[in-house]
N, C-alpha and C. Protein backbone atom coordinates (compact mmCIF):
# COMPACT_ATOMS: atom_id res chain seq x y z
N MET A 1 52.17 -13.69 -5.27
CA MET A 1 50.95 -13.46 -5.76
C MET A 1 50.04 -13.11 -4.33
N PRO A 2 49.39 -11.86 -4.19
CA PRO A 2 48.76 -11.80 -3.03
C PRO A 2 47.98 -12.67 -2.36
N ALA A 3 47.66 -12.75 -1.06
CA ALA A 3 46.74 -13.62 -0.61
C ALA A 3 45.39 -13.37 -1.01
N PRO A 4 44.30 -14.43 -1.37
CA PRO A 4 42.94 -13.87 -1.63
C PRO A 4 42.34 -13.44 -0.51
N ALA A 5 41.50 -12.26 -0.91
CA ALA A 5 40.89 -11.65 0.29
C ALA A 5 39.63 -12.62 0.88
N ALA A 6 39.69 -12.25 2.34
CA ALA A 6 38.69 -13.21 2.89
C ALA A 6 37.27 -12.85 2.13
N ALA A 7 36.66 -14.05 2.22
CA ALA A 7 35.34 -14.21 1.52
C ALA A 7 34.36 -13.67 2.61
N VAL A 8 33.58 -12.84 2.12
CA VAL A 8 32.50 -12.11 3.06
C VAL A 8 31.47 -13.10 3.25
N GLN A 9 31.22 -13.49 4.66
CA GLN A 9 30.35 -14.86 4.97
C GLN A 9 29.00 -14.19 5.34
N PRO A 10 28.03 -14.78 4.49
CA PRO A 10 26.65 -14.17 4.41
C PRO A 10 26.20 -14.32 5.88
N GLN A 11 24.97 -13.72 6.57
CA GLN A 11 24.42 -13.64 7.72
C GLN A 11 23.68 -14.95 7.89
N SER A 12 23.71 -15.34 8.93
CA SER A 12 22.94 -16.92 9.27
C SER A 12 21.43 -16.42 9.06
N ALA A 13 20.62 -17.68 8.67
CA ALA A 13 19.42 -17.28 8.36
C ALA A 13 18.63 -17.30 9.70
N SER A 14 18.97 -17.50 10.62
CA SER A 14 18.28 -17.20 12.06
C SER A 14 18.38 -15.41 12.38
N ALA A 15 19.64 -14.95 12.33
CA ALA A 15 19.99 -13.52 12.28
C ALA A 15 19.05 -12.75 11.39
N GLN A 16 18.97 -13.18 10.06
CA GLN A 16 18.28 -12.63 9.12
C GLN A 16 16.79 -12.68 9.42
N ALA A 17 16.23 -13.59 10.00
CA ALA A 17 14.95 -13.81 10.36
C ALA A 17 14.48 -12.84 11.36
N ASP A 18 15.70 -12.32 12.30
CA ASP A 18 15.05 -11.64 13.20
C ASP A 18 14.56 -10.22 12.95
N LYS A 19 14.99 -9.75 11.69
CA LYS A 19 14.16 -8.36 11.09
C LYS A 19 13.79 -8.51 9.74
N LEU A 20 12.61 -7.92 9.84
CA LEU A 20 12.17 -7.79 8.27
C LEU A 20 11.77 -6.17 7.86
N SER A 21 12.30 -5.91 6.93
CA SER A 21 11.78 -4.52 6.47
C SER A 21 11.15 -4.60 5.15
N ILE A 22 10.28 -4.01 4.87
CA ILE A 22 9.30 -4.19 3.69
C ILE A 22 9.27 -2.53 3.07
N ILE A 23 9.72 -2.35 1.84
CA ILE A 23 9.73 -1.26 0.99
C ILE A 23 8.37 -1.26 0.35
N MET A 24 7.29 -0.62 0.66
CA MET A 24 6.14 -0.25 0.09
C MET A 24 6.12 0.85 -0.74
N PHE A 25 6.04 0.42 -2.35
CA PHE A 25 5.96 1.54 -3.42
C PHE A 25 4.86 1.59 -4.05
N SER A 26 4.05 0.61 -4.30
CA SER A 26 2.92 0.57 -5.11
C SER A 26 1.82 0.98 -4.28
N GLY A 27 1.05 1.76 -5.13
CA GLY A 27 -0.12 2.34 -4.43
C GLY A 27 -1.44 1.71 -4.97
N THR A 28 -1.48 0.33 -5.54
CA THR A 28 -2.59 -0.26 -5.71
C THR A 28 -3.29 -1.44 -4.62
N ALA A 29 -4.26 -1.43 -4.48
CA ALA A 29 -4.81 -1.92 -3.41
C ALA A 29 -4.54 -3.44 -3.29
N ASP A 30 -4.09 -4.25 -4.59
CA ASP A 30 -3.74 -5.53 -4.41
C ASP A 30 -2.48 -5.99 -3.42
N LYS A 31 -1.72 -4.85 -3.54
CA LYS A 31 -0.47 -4.79 -2.77
C LYS A 31 -0.39 -4.54 -1.33
N PHE A 32 -1.41 -3.85 -0.91
CA PHE A 32 -1.88 -3.51 0.53
C PHE A 32 -2.16 -4.67 1.20
N ILE A 33 -2.85 -5.82 0.75
CA ILE A 33 -3.28 -6.72 1.70
C ILE A 33 -1.95 -7.80 1.71
N PRO A 34 -0.96 -7.79 1.09
CA PRO A 34 0.02 -8.55 1.45
C PRO A 34 0.92 -7.69 2.43
N LEU A 35 0.97 -6.55 2.13
CA LEU A 35 1.75 -5.83 3.49
C LEU A 35 0.88 -6.07 4.74
N GLY A 36 -0.23 -5.92 5.06
CA GLY A 36 -0.83 -6.39 6.03
C GLY A 36 -0.57 -7.59 6.62
N VAL A 37 -0.83 -8.71 5.76
CA VAL A 37 -0.58 -10.17 5.95
C VAL A 37 0.87 -10.19 6.62
N LEU A 38 1.92 -9.93 5.83
CA LEU A 38 3.33 -10.00 6.27
C LEU A 38 3.70 -9.48 7.29
N ALA A 39 3.39 -8.35 7.46
CA ALA A 39 3.99 -7.57 8.71
C ALA A 39 3.08 -7.99 9.77
N GLN A 40 1.82 -8.37 9.81
CA GLN A 40 1.13 -8.83 10.99
C GLN A 40 1.73 -10.20 11.41
N ALA A 41 2.11 -10.91 10.36
CA ALA A 41 2.59 -12.38 10.77
C ALA A 41 3.90 -12.27 11.08
N ALA A 42 4.79 -11.44 10.79
CA ALA A 42 6.12 -11.44 11.25
C ALA A 42 6.34 -10.76 12.65
N ALA A 43 5.38 -9.79 12.71
CA ALA A 43 5.33 -9.19 14.05
C ALA A 43 5.10 -10.29 15.18
N ALA A 44 3.89 -10.93 14.93
CA ALA A 44 3.38 -11.93 15.89
C ALA A 44 4.30 -13.28 16.02
N MET A 45 5.37 -13.18 15.21
CA MET A 45 6.56 -14.26 15.41
C MET A 45 7.76 -13.59 16.20
N GLY A 46 7.56 -12.25 16.31
CA GLY A 46 8.52 -11.63 17.34
C GLY A 46 9.58 -11.18 16.60
N VAL A 47 9.41 -11.18 15.25
CA VAL A 47 10.28 -10.45 14.13
C VAL A 47 10.42 -8.87 14.34
N GLU A 48 11.53 -8.10 14.36
CA GLU A 48 11.42 -6.80 14.28
C GLU A 48 10.79 -6.43 12.81
N VAL A 49 9.96 -5.57 12.74
CA VAL A 49 9.21 -5.17 11.40
C VAL A 49 9.31 -3.61 11.40
N ASN A 50 10.19 -3.36 10.12
CA ASN A 50 10.15 -1.83 9.73
C ASN A 50 9.61 -1.66 8.20
N ILE A 51 8.72 -0.65 8.22
CA ILE A 51 8.21 -0.55 6.76
C ILE A 51 8.48 0.90 6.30
N PHE A 52 8.80 1.12 5.19
CA PHE A 52 9.10 2.19 4.40
C PHE A 52 8.05 2.48 3.35
N VAL A 53 7.34 3.32 3.33
CA VAL A 53 6.25 3.71 2.35
C VAL A 53 6.95 4.82 1.69
N THR A 54 6.72 4.65 0.33
CA THR A 54 7.35 5.56 -0.60
C THR A 54 6.38 5.60 -1.93
N GLY A 55 6.64 6.36 -2.58
CA GLY A 55 6.14 6.45 -4.23
C GLY A 55 4.44 6.64 -3.91
N PHE A 56 3.58 5.90 -4.97
CA PHE A 56 2.22 5.98 -4.83
C PHE A 56 1.59 5.27 -3.70
N ALA A 57 2.25 4.73 -3.02
CA ALA A 57 1.90 3.83 -1.65
C ALA A 57 1.54 5.07 -0.54
N LEU A 58 2.23 6.00 -0.79
CA LEU A 58 1.74 7.19 0.31
C LEU A 58 0.39 7.46 0.52
N ARG A 59 -0.16 7.31 -0.94
CA ARG A 59 -1.67 7.64 -0.67
C ARG A 59 -2.43 6.83 0.17
N GLY A 60 -2.07 5.63 0.49
CA GLY A 60 -2.77 4.91 1.61
C GLY A 60 -2.69 5.28 2.63
N PHE A 61 -1.84 6.10 2.97
CA PHE A 61 -1.15 6.20 4.30
C PHE A 61 -1.72 7.48 4.90
N THR A 62 -2.52 8.22 4.32
CA THR A 62 -3.01 9.77 4.71
C THR A 62 -4.00 9.75 5.38
N LYS A 63 -4.28 10.89 6.07
CA LYS A 63 -5.62 11.03 6.79
C LYS A 63 -6.87 10.97 5.87
N LYS A 64 -6.63 11.54 4.73
CA LYS A 64 -7.73 11.68 3.70
C LYS A 64 -7.91 10.31 2.94
N LYS A 65 -8.95 9.62 3.39
CA LYS A 65 -9.19 8.37 2.73
C LYS A 65 -9.38 8.11 1.29
N GLU A 66 -8.65 7.52 0.66
CA GLU A 66 -8.83 7.54 -0.68
C GLU A 66 -9.03 5.76 -1.12
N ASP A 67 -9.91 5.65 -2.05
CA ASP A 67 -10.12 4.37 -2.55
C ASP A 67 -8.91 3.79 -3.44
N LEU A 68 -8.06 2.79 -2.85
CA LEU A 68 -7.00 2.35 -3.85
C LEU A 68 -7.42 1.72 -5.04
N PRO A 69 -6.77 2.24 -6.04
CA PRO A 69 -7.31 1.29 -7.18
C PRO A 69 -6.75 -0.18 -7.38
N PHE A 70 -7.43 -0.75 -8.00
CA PHE A 70 -6.75 -2.23 -8.61
C PHE A 70 -5.87 -1.87 -9.86
N PRO A 71 -5.24 -2.62 -10.38
CA PRO A 71 -4.23 -2.62 -11.56
C PRO A 71 -5.64 -3.21 -12.65
N ALA A 72 -5.58 -2.67 -13.81
CA ALA A 72 -6.61 -2.73 -14.76
C ALA A 72 -6.98 -4.25 -15.09
N GLU A 73 -5.71 -4.93 -14.97
CA GLU A 73 -6.03 -6.40 -15.18
C GLU A 73 -6.79 -7.24 -14.14
N PHE A 74 -6.82 -6.82 -13.11
CA PHE A 74 -7.51 -7.27 -11.81
C PHE A 74 -8.56 -6.46 -11.48
N THR A 75 -9.32 -5.58 -12.10
CA THR A 75 -10.48 -4.72 -11.71
C THR A 75 -11.57 -5.56 -11.80
N ALA A 76 -11.79 -6.57 -12.60
CA ALA A 76 -12.87 -7.72 -12.91
C ALA A 76 -12.85 -8.55 -11.58
N MET A 77 -11.92 -8.82 -10.99
CA MET A 77 -11.78 -9.76 -9.84
C MET A 77 -12.01 -8.89 -8.64
N ALA A 78 -12.03 -7.83 -8.58
CA ALA A 78 -11.89 -6.98 -7.27
C ALA A 78 -13.01 -7.53 -6.34
N PRO A 79 -14.63 -7.25 -6.83
CA PRO A 79 -15.49 -7.68 -6.07
C PRO A 79 -15.53 -9.10 -5.69
N ALA A 80 -15.19 -10.22 -6.36
CA ALA A 80 -15.03 -11.53 -6.00
C ALA A 80 -13.82 -11.46 -4.64
N LEU A 81 -12.92 -10.75 -4.73
CA LEU A 81 -11.82 -10.78 -3.87
C LEU A 81 -12.24 -10.18 -2.75
N ALA A 82 -12.91 -8.99 -2.54
CA ALA A 82 -13.57 -8.39 -1.43
C ALA A 82 -14.56 -9.34 -1.04
N LYS A 83 -15.78 -10.00 -1.67
CA LYS A 83 -16.54 -10.92 -1.27
C LYS A 83 -15.65 -12.04 -0.32
N GLY A 84 -14.97 -12.47 -0.94
CA GLY A 84 -14.10 -13.59 -0.24
C GLY A 84 -13.55 -13.52 0.84
N MET A 85 -13.01 -12.23 0.90
CA MET A 85 -12.38 -11.75 2.36
C MET A 85 -13.41 -11.67 3.20
N GLN A 86 -14.47 -11.01 2.90
CA GLN A 86 -15.43 -10.71 4.05
C GLN A 86 -15.91 -12.10 4.41
N GLN A 87 -16.34 -13.12 3.51
CA GLN A 87 -17.08 -14.58 3.94
C GLN A 87 -15.98 -15.33 4.76
N SER A 88 -14.65 -15.14 4.59
CA SER A 88 -13.69 -15.77 5.28
C SER A 88 -12.93 -14.97 6.60
N HIS A 89 -13.63 -13.67 6.66
CA HIS A 89 -13.46 -12.89 7.85
C HIS A 89 -11.96 -12.33 8.13
N VAL A 90 -11.22 -12.00 6.87
CA VAL A 90 -9.96 -11.48 6.47
C VAL A 90 -10.07 -9.96 6.99
N PRO A 91 -9.31 -9.59 7.95
CA PRO A 91 -9.46 -8.28 8.30
C PRO A 91 -8.70 -7.18 7.33
N SER A 92 -8.84 -6.14 7.29
CA SER A 92 -8.57 -4.99 6.20
C SER A 92 -7.02 -5.01 6.47
N TRP A 93 -6.56 -4.36 5.32
CA TRP A 93 -4.81 -4.43 5.37
C TRP A 93 -4.65 -3.48 6.36
N ASP A 94 -5.35 -2.49 6.61
CA ASP A 94 -4.76 -1.38 7.92
C ASP A 94 -5.17 -1.99 9.37
N ALA A 95 -6.22 -2.95 9.26
CA ALA A 95 -6.28 -3.52 10.55
C ALA A 95 -5.24 -4.52 10.99
N MET A 96 -4.75 -5.20 10.07
CA MET A 96 -3.60 -6.08 10.35
C MET A 96 -2.25 -5.27 10.58
N LEU A 97 -2.05 -4.37 10.00
CA LEU A 97 -1.17 -3.39 10.15
C LEU A 97 -0.93 -2.69 11.43
N ARG A 98 -2.37 -2.40 11.94
CA ARG A 98 -2.67 -2.16 13.28
C ARG A 98 -2.30 -2.73 14.35
N GLN A 99 -2.38 -3.98 14.00
CA GLN A 99 -1.92 -5.14 15.04
C GLN A 99 -0.68 -5.33 14.90
N ALA A 100 0.11 -5.17 13.79
CA ALA A 100 1.58 -5.48 13.78
C ALA A 100 2.29 -4.33 14.40
N LYS A 101 1.67 -2.96 14.68
CA LYS A 101 2.01 -1.93 15.31
C LYS A 101 1.95 -2.10 16.58
N GLU A 102 0.83 -2.85 17.18
CA GLU A 102 0.69 -3.23 18.60
C GLU A 102 1.84 -4.25 18.98
N LEU A 103 2.16 -5.08 18.13
CA LEU A 103 3.46 -6.01 18.41
C LEU A 103 4.58 -5.34 18.20
N GLY A 104 4.65 -4.13 17.90
CA GLY A 104 6.22 -3.33 17.86
C GLY A 104 6.57 -2.91 16.26
N ALA A 105 5.67 -2.98 15.14
CA ALA A 105 6.18 -2.90 13.96
C ALA A 105 6.05 -1.41 13.96
N ARG A 106 7.02 -0.88 12.99
CA ARG A 106 7.27 0.49 12.91
C ARG A 106 6.92 0.79 11.02
N VAL A 107 6.48 2.15 10.83
CA VAL A 107 6.24 2.59 9.72
C VAL A 107 6.67 3.65 9.50
N TYR A 108 7.42 3.94 8.38
CA TYR A 108 8.10 5.18 8.10
C TYR A 108 7.78 5.59 6.69
N ALA A 109 7.39 7.03 6.74
CA ALA A 109 7.05 7.69 5.09
C ALA A 109 8.31 8.08 4.77
N CYS A 110 8.69 8.06 3.46
CA CYS A 110 9.59 8.58 2.89
C CYS A 110 9.54 10.04 2.75
N SER A 111 10.69 10.89 3.41
CA SER A 111 10.76 12.20 3.68
C SER A 111 10.72 12.86 2.16
N MET A 112 11.54 12.24 1.28
CA MET A 112 11.87 12.71 -0.13
C MET A 112 10.34 12.80 -0.95
N MET A 113 9.68 11.73 -1.04
CA MET A 113 8.59 11.73 -1.86
C MET A 113 7.39 12.34 -1.16
N SER A 114 7.53 12.11 0.03
CA SER A 114 6.51 13.03 0.40
C SER A 114 6.25 14.27 0.24
N GLY A 115 7.75 14.95 0.40
CA GLY A 115 7.81 16.36 -0.12
C GLY A 115 7.64 16.55 -1.63
N VAL A 116 7.77 15.68 -2.26
CA VAL A 116 7.49 15.79 -3.96
C VAL A 116 5.97 15.63 -4.15
N MET A 117 5.30 14.89 -3.39
CA MET A 117 3.88 14.98 -3.50
C MET A 117 3.03 15.78 -2.56
N GLY A 118 4.08 16.73 -1.86
CA GLY A 118 3.30 17.74 -1.15
C GLY A 118 2.74 17.46 0.10
N LEU A 119 3.25 16.18 0.89
CA LEU A 119 2.43 15.76 1.83
C LEU A 119 3.51 16.10 3.24
N LYS A 120 3.05 16.71 4.30
CA LYS A 120 3.70 16.92 5.68
C LYS A 120 3.47 15.67 6.25
N LYS A 121 4.02 15.69 7.76
CA LYS A 121 3.97 14.65 8.62
C LYS A 121 2.47 14.78 9.12
N GLU A 122 1.94 15.86 9.24
CA GLU A 122 0.55 16.01 9.65
C GLU A 122 -0.65 15.39 8.90
N ASP A 123 -0.13 15.13 7.61
CA ASP A 123 -1.17 14.60 6.35
C ASP A 123 -1.23 13.15 6.75
N PHE A 124 -0.42 12.50 7.47
CA PHE A 124 -0.50 11.22 7.35
C PHE A 124 -1.33 10.72 8.68
N SER A 125 -1.90 9.39 8.57
CA SER A 125 -2.54 8.79 9.66
C SER A 125 -1.42 8.49 10.52
N ASP A 126 -2.29 7.83 11.71
CA ASP A 126 -1.49 7.32 12.86
C ASP A 126 -0.80 6.12 12.58
N LEU A 127 -0.93 5.41 11.41
CA LEU A 127 -0.18 4.41 11.13
C LEU A 127 1.01 4.91 10.95
N VAL A 128 1.69 5.98 10.57
CA VAL A 128 2.87 6.61 10.43
C VAL A 128 3.67 7.08 11.63
N ASP A 129 4.54 6.24 11.72
CA ASP A 129 5.47 6.73 13.17
C ASP A 129 6.44 7.69 12.73
N ASP A 130 6.84 7.91 11.71
CA ASP A 130 7.70 9.06 11.37
C ASP A 130 8.15 9.12 9.80
N MET A 131 8.47 10.28 9.46
CA MET A 131 9.42 10.73 8.02
C MET A 131 10.59 10.32 8.18
N VAL A 132 11.19 9.56 7.28
CA VAL A 132 12.82 9.62 7.17
C VAL A 132 13.26 9.36 5.81
N GLY A 133 14.34 9.67 5.49
CA GLY A 133 15.06 9.59 4.21
C GLY A 133 15.61 8.14 4.08
N ALA A 134 15.80 7.90 2.57
CA ALA A 134 16.16 6.48 2.42
C ALA A 134 17.34 5.83 3.15
N ALA A 135 18.23 6.61 3.02
CA ALA A 135 19.45 6.15 4.00
C ALA A 135 19.31 6.04 5.60
N THR A 136 18.47 6.52 6.21
CA THR A 136 18.11 6.25 7.42
C THR A 136 17.28 5.03 7.46
N PHE A 137 16.50 4.73 6.58
CA PHE A 137 15.74 3.55 6.56
C PHE A 137 16.40 2.52 6.05
N LEU A 138 17.61 2.68 5.22
CA LEU A 138 18.47 1.56 4.77
C LEU A 138 19.29 0.92 6.32
N HIS A 139 19.62 1.98 6.87
CA HIS A 139 20.66 1.85 8.16
C HIS A 139 19.62 1.04 9.17
N THR A 140 18.08 1.46 9.31
CA THR A 140 17.31 0.72 9.95
C THR A 140 17.34 -0.83 9.57
N ALA A 141 17.33 -0.98 8.20
CA ALA A 141 17.08 -2.18 7.35
C ALA A 141 18.18 -3.24 7.57
N GLU A 142 19.28 -2.53 7.74
CA GLU A 142 20.83 -3.28 7.81
C GLU A 142 20.55 -4.76 8.49
N ASN A 143 21.09 -5.70 8.04
CA ASN A 143 21.50 -6.98 8.50
C ASN A 143 20.08 -7.91 8.52
N GLY A 144 19.14 -7.49 7.81
CA GLY A 144 17.47 -8.20 7.98
C GLY A 144 17.30 -8.52 6.54
N GLN A 145 16.05 -9.23 6.33
CA GLN A 145 15.46 -9.43 5.00
C GLN A 145 14.72 -8.34 4.88
N THR A 146 14.93 -7.91 3.38
CA THR A 146 14.06 -6.55 2.73
C THR A 146 13.27 -7.30 1.75
N LEU A 147 11.91 -6.66 1.79
CA LEU A 147 11.05 -7.08 0.73
C LEU A 147 10.64 -5.73 0.15
N PHE A 148 10.34 -5.80 -1.33
CA PHE A 148 9.95 -4.98 -1.99
C PHE A 148 8.45 -5.20 -2.38
N ILE A 149 7.54 -4.27 -2.11
CA ILE A 149 6.10 -4.46 -2.51
C ILE A 149 5.58 -3.31 -3.27
């Protein structure tokens, strides 16, 4: 009988905590707030932060400012959320992301979905560092934690 294959050892929690990759694919306003919060917090903690923007989330990163919609089930709560954030002095998602970028976070637009949506690098705001393909981003995300928003 052949010897059992060596078990693959999971990476230690401390090694995984050194890198956070966020895949942002939702284009609704309720998802952009956690993107800003998580990116800012991780970058402030010294974690390497890489964000891959794809799908309808790309619309939030263009130079042309669009009002990001709330999902239908949350539309009635949107005004109260906006008021609460203002009263609590919570910065906008893009202000939080800008601070994360000042601390080293990187934002990449998905080259394939950008092409499908007719977007070129010059269409994106200065929040986007580069356009890359999925394989390139997955290589960047390797050996870290990955979140989907």
